[in-house]
C-alpha atoms as a PDB file:
ATOM      1  CA  MET A   1     172.727 185.923 125.152  1.00  0.00           C
ATOM      2  CA  SER A   2     169.728 183.729 125.014  1.00  0.00           C
ATOM      3  CA  GLY A   3     166.155 184.861 125.312  1.00  0.00           C
ATOM      4  CA  LEU A   4     166.603 188.100 123.389  1.00  0.00           C
ATOM      5  CA  ASP A   5     162.847 188.148 122.852  1.00  0.00           C
ATOM      6  CA  GLU A   6     162.436 188.865 126.576  1.00  0.00           C
ATOM      7  CA  ILE A   7     164.623 191.987 126.522  1.00  0.00           C
ATOM      8  CA  PRO A   8     162.932 195.350 125.907  1.00  0.00           C
ATOM      9  CA  THR A   9     163.726 196.942 122.546  1.00  0.00           C
ATOM     10  CA  ARG A  10     165.450 199.986 124.049  1.00  0.00           C
ATOM     11  CA  GLU A  11     167.750 197.739 126.062  1.00  0.00           C
ATOM     12  CA  LEU A  12     168.489 195.693 122.930  1.00  0.00           C
ATOM     13  CA  GLU A  13     169.470 198.887 121.132  1.00  0.00           C
ATOM     14  CA  LEU A  14     171.878 199.692 123.962  1.00  0.00           C
ATOM     15  CA  LEU A  15     173.251 196.153 123.816  1.00  0.00           C
ATOM     16  CA  LEU A  16     173.781 196.582 120.088  1.00  0.00           C
ATOM     17  CA  THR A  17     175.787 199.744 120.709  1.00  0.00           C
ATOM     18  CA  SER A  18     177.885 197.844 123.234  1.00  0.00           C
ATOM     19  CA  ALA A  19     178.327 194.930 120.829  1.00  0.00           C
ATOM     20  CA  ARG A  20     179.493 197.292 118.075  1.00  0.00           C
ATOM     21  CA  ASP A  21     182.020 198.855 120.453  1.00  0.00           C
ATOM     22  CA  GLN A  22     183.262 195.420 121.513  1.00  0.00           C
ATOM     23  CA  TYR A  23     183.578 194.389 117.867  1.00  0.00           C
ATOM     24  CA  ALA A  24     185.559 197.516 116.981  1.00  0.00           C
ATOM     25  CA  THR A  25     187.863 197.010 119.957  1.00  0.00           C
ATOM     26  CA  ALA A  26     188.371 193.335 119.128  1.00  0.00           C
ATOM     27  CA  VAL A  27     189.199 194.137 115.492  1.00  0.00           C
ATOM     28  CA  ASN A  28     191.628 196.839 116.558  1.00  0.00           C
ATOM     29  CA  ASN A  29     193.358 194.536 119.046  1.00  0.00           C
ATOM     30  CA  TRP A  30     193.603 191.737 116.491  1.00  0.00           C
ATOM     31  CA  GLN A  31     194.938 194.054 113.802  1.00  0.00           C
ATOM     32  CA  ARG A  32     197.612 195.452 116.115  1.00  0.00           C
ATOM     33  CA  ALA A  33     198.655 191.924 117.079  1.00  0.00           C
ATOM     34  CA  VAL A  34     198.873 190.794 113.455  1.00  0.00           C
ATOM     35  CA  GLU A  35     200.983 193.819 112.577  1.00  0.00           C
ATOM     36  CA  SER A  36     203.312 193.247 115.539  1.00  0.00           C
ATOM     37  CA  ASP A  37     206.253 190.890 115.711  1.00  0.00           C
ATOM     38  CA  ALA A  38     204.245 188.408 117.804  1.00  0.00           C
ATOM     39  CA  PRO A  39     203.833 184.898 116.380  1.00  0.00           C
ATOM     40  CA  LEU A  40     200.619 184.585 114.386  1.00  0.00           C
ATOM     41  CA  ALA A  41     199.489 181.743 116.646  1.00  0.00           C
ATOM     42  CA  ASN A  42     199.218 184.329 119.420  1.00  0.00           C
ATOM     43  CA  THR A  43     196.590 186.200 117.396  1.00  0.00           C
ATOM     44  CA  LEU A  44     194.139 183.281 117.286  1.00  0.00           C
ATOM     45  CA  PRO A  45     192.407 184.145 120.581  1.00  0.00           C
ATOM     46  CA  LEU A  46     192.037 187.727 119.343  1.00  0.00           C
ATOM     47  CA  ALA A  47     190.511 186.495 116.091  1.00  0.00           C
ATOM     48  CA  GLY A  48     188.111 184.427 118.194  1.00  0.00           C
ATOM     49  CA  ALA A  49     187.128 187.577 120.090  1.00  0.00           C
ATOM     50  CA  VAL A  50     186.352 189.309 116.786  1.00  0.00           C
ATOM     51  CA  ASP A  51     184.185 186.371 115.731  1.00  0.00           C
ATOM     52  CA  ALA A  52     182.340 186.259 119.058  1.00  0.00           C
ATOM     53  CA  ALA A  53     181.655 189.998 119.014  1.00  0.00           C
ATOM     54  CA  ASP A  54     180.408 189.743 115.436  1.00  0.00           C
ATOM     55  CA  ARG A  55     178.066 186.847 116.247  1.00  0.00           C
ATOM     56  CA  ARG A  56     176.678 188.720 119.257  1.00  0.00           C
ATOM     57  CA  ALA A  57     175.948 191.824 117.163  1.00  0.00           C
ATOM     58  CA  VAL A  58     174.311 189.730 114.441  1.00  0.00           C
ATOM     59  CA  ARG A  59     172.008 188.004 116.961  1.00  0.00           C
ATOM     60  CA  ILE A  60     170.914 191.371 118.328  1.00  0.00           C
ATOM     61  CA  LEU A  61     170.401 192.821 114.841  1.00  0.00           C
ATOM     62  CA  LYS A  62     168.313 189.828 113.785  1.00  0.00           C
ATOM     63  CA  GLU A  63     166.084 190.218 116.837  1.00  0.00           C
ATOM     64  CA  LEU A  64     165.631 193.953 116.220  1.00  0.00           C
ATOM     65  CA  ALA A  65     164.806 193.247 112.554  1.00  0.00           C
ATOM     66  CA  ARG A  66     162.270 190.612 113.584  1.00  0.00           C
ATOM     67  CA  ARG A  67     160.597 193.110 115.880  1.00  0.00           C
ATOM     68  CA  GLN A  68     160.443 195.704 113.110  1.00  0.00           C
ATOM     69  CA  GLN A  69     158.841 193.183 110.775  1.00  0.00           C
ATOM     70  CA  ASP A  70     156.329 192.161 113.451  1.00  0.00           C
ATOM     71  CA  ALA A  71     155.446 195.800 114.088  1.00  0.00           C
ATOM     72  CA  ALA A  72     154.973 196.435 110.365  1.00  0.00           C
ATOM     73  CA  ALA A  73     152.730 193.407 109.929  1.00  0.00           C
END
């Protein structure tokens, strides 16, 4: 997701909702895998999905915060 500054705020808010859902799903999938009898090495891709979803949400949140600060200035 590059060029967040070109995306309208309302669309960013929708993307943030999607990113939160993806994060929650990734965490749930990872947690179920860790609690299963599967080898822990098999959970690494799921942990990577959690990290990627988290980074995506953070990028969107930072852009929304920047816009709020710009609007308040």
